[in-house]
Amino acid sequence: RHLGLRYTGLIGVLVEAKHKGVLSAVKPQLDELRNIAGFRISDALYVRVLQDEREESCG
């Protein structure tokens, strides 16, 4: 939600699930999607989502 922008698609669903208390964090799901399922997300977007959700990325 950086600068008031909202995520859409699967990332938006994960973020919304976290906000509703269904998930405690989005990082584990994003990591599995990227590393196991081959989900394509730019490094910049990955870092932005984690920063916006206060789940800082270490690189």
C-alpha atoms as a PDB file:
ATOM      1  CA  ARG A   1       0.000   0.000   0.000  1.00  0.00           C
ATOM      2  CA  HIS A   2       2.959   2.209  -0.609  1.00  0.00           C
ATOM      3  CA  LEU A   3       1.811   5.709  -1.575  1.00  0.00           C
ATOM      4  CA  GLY A   4      -1.781   4.574  -1.240  1.00  0.00           C
ATOM      5  CA  LEU A   5      -1.481   1.908  -3.949  1.00  0.00           C
ATOM      6  CA  ARG A   6      -3.129  -1.447  -3.400  1.00  0.00           C
ATOM      7  CA  TYR A   7      -1.826  -4.819  -4.498  1.00  0.00           C
ATOM      8  CA  THR A   8      -4.039  -6.923  -6.721  1.00  0.00           C
ATOM      9  CA  GLY A   9      -4.060 -10.547  -7.737  1.00  0.00           C
ATOM     10  CA  LEU A  10      -2.492 -13.257  -5.631  1.00  0.00           C
ATOM     11  CA  ILE A  11      -0.267 -10.842  -3.728  1.00  0.00           C
ATOM     12  CA  GLY A  12      -3.308  -8.774  -2.825  1.00  0.00           C
ATOM     13  CA  VAL A  13      -5.112 -11.884  -1.604  1.00  0.00           C
ATOM     14  CA  LEU A  14      -2.166 -12.784   0.650  1.00  0.00           C
ATOM     15  CA  VAL A  15      -1.932  -9.241   2.031  1.00  0.00           C
ATOM     16  CA  GLU A  16      -5.683  -9.128   2.664  1.00  0.00           C
ATOM     17  CA  ALA A  17      -5.533 -12.539   4.391  1.00  0.00           C
ATOM     18  CA  LYS A  18      -2.840 -11.181   6.699  1.00  0.00           C
ATOM     19  CA  HIS A  19      -4.887  -8.072   7.459  1.00  0.00           C
ATOM     20  CA  LYS A  20      -7.914 -10.248   8.316  1.00  0.00           C
ATOM     21  CA  GLY A  21      -5.855 -12.478  10.615  1.00  0.00           C
ATOM     22  CA  VAL A  22      -5.947 -15.569   8.398  1.00  0.00           C
ATOM     23  CA  LEU A  23      -2.162 -15.402   7.923  1.00  0.00           C
ATOM     24  CA  SER A  24       0.348 -14.091  10.419  1.00  0.00           C
ATOM     25  CA  ALA A  25       2.831 -13.202   7.657  1.00  0.00           C
ATOM     26  CA  VAL A  26       3.027 -13.115   3.857  1.00  0.00           C
ATOM     27  CA  LYS A  27       6.766 -13.775   3.538  1.00  0.00           C
ATOM     28  CA  PRO A  28       6.595 -17.570   4.006  1.00  0.00           C
ATOM     29  CA  GLN A  29       3.881 -17.856   1.357  1.00  0.00           C
ATOM     30  CA  LEU A  30       5.696 -15.540  -1.064  1.00  0.00           C
ATOM     31  CA  ASP A  31       8.913 -17.507  -0.550  1.00  0.00           C
ATOM     32  CA  GLU A  32       7.179 -20.820  -1.264  1.00  0.00           C
ATOM     33  CA  LEU A  33       5.452 -19.402  -4.320  1.00  0.00           C
ATOM     34  CA  ARG A  34       8.745 -18.062  -5.689  1.00  0.00           C
ATOM     35  CA  ASN A  35      11.028 -20.957  -4.770  1.00  0.00           C
ATOM     36  CA  ILE A  36       8.773 -23.995  -5.101  1.00  0.00           C
ATOM     37  CA  ALA A  37       5.931 -23.052  -7.436  1.00  0.00           C
ATOM     38  CA  GLY A  38       7.998 -20.833  -9.742  1.00  0.00           C
ATOM     39  CA  PHE A  39       5.739 -17.801  -9.191  1.00  0.00           C
ATOM     40  CA  ARG A  40       7.299 -14.810 -10.920  1.00  0.00           C
ATOM     41  CA  ILE A  41       7.542 -11.606  -8.929  1.00  0.00           C
ATOM     42  CA  SER A  42      10.238  -8.982  -9.347  1.00  0.00           C
ATOM     43  CA  ASP A  43      12.722  -8.564  -6.532  1.00  0.00           C
ATOM     44  CA  ALA A  44      11.638  -4.928  -6.223  1.00  0.00           C
ATOM     45  CA  LEU A  45       7.971  -5.862  -5.730  1.00  0.00           C
ATOM     46  CA  TYR A  46       8.886  -8.661  -3.312  1.00  0.00           C
ATOM     47  CA  VAL A  47      10.907  -6.238  -1.171  1.00  0.00           C
ATOM     48  CA  ARG A  48       8.197  -3.565  -1.405  1.00  0.00           C
ATOM     49  CA  VAL A  49       5.480  -5.952  -0.196  1.00  0.00           C
ATOM     50  CA  LEU A  50       7.611  -7.110   2.725  1.00  0.00           C
ATOM     51  CA  GLN A  51       8.482  -3.536   3.670  1.00  0.00           C
ATOM     52  CA  ASP A  52       4.865  -2.398   3.428  1.00  0.00           C
ATOM     53  CA  GLU A  53       3.807  -5.323   5.614  1.00  0.00           C
ATOM     54  CA  ARG A  54       6.696  -4.715   8.015  1.00  0.00           C
ATOM     55  CA  GLU A  55       8.289  -8.057   7.209  1.00  0.00           C
ATOM     56  CA  GLU A  56      11.644  -6.667   6.114  1.00  0.00           C
ATOM     57  CA  SER A  57      13.586  -8.605   3.515  1.00  0.00           C
ATOM     58  CA  CYS A  58      17.242  -9.400   4.089  1.00  0.00           C
ATOM     59  CA  GLY A  59      18.318  -8.897   0.513  1.00  0.00           C
END
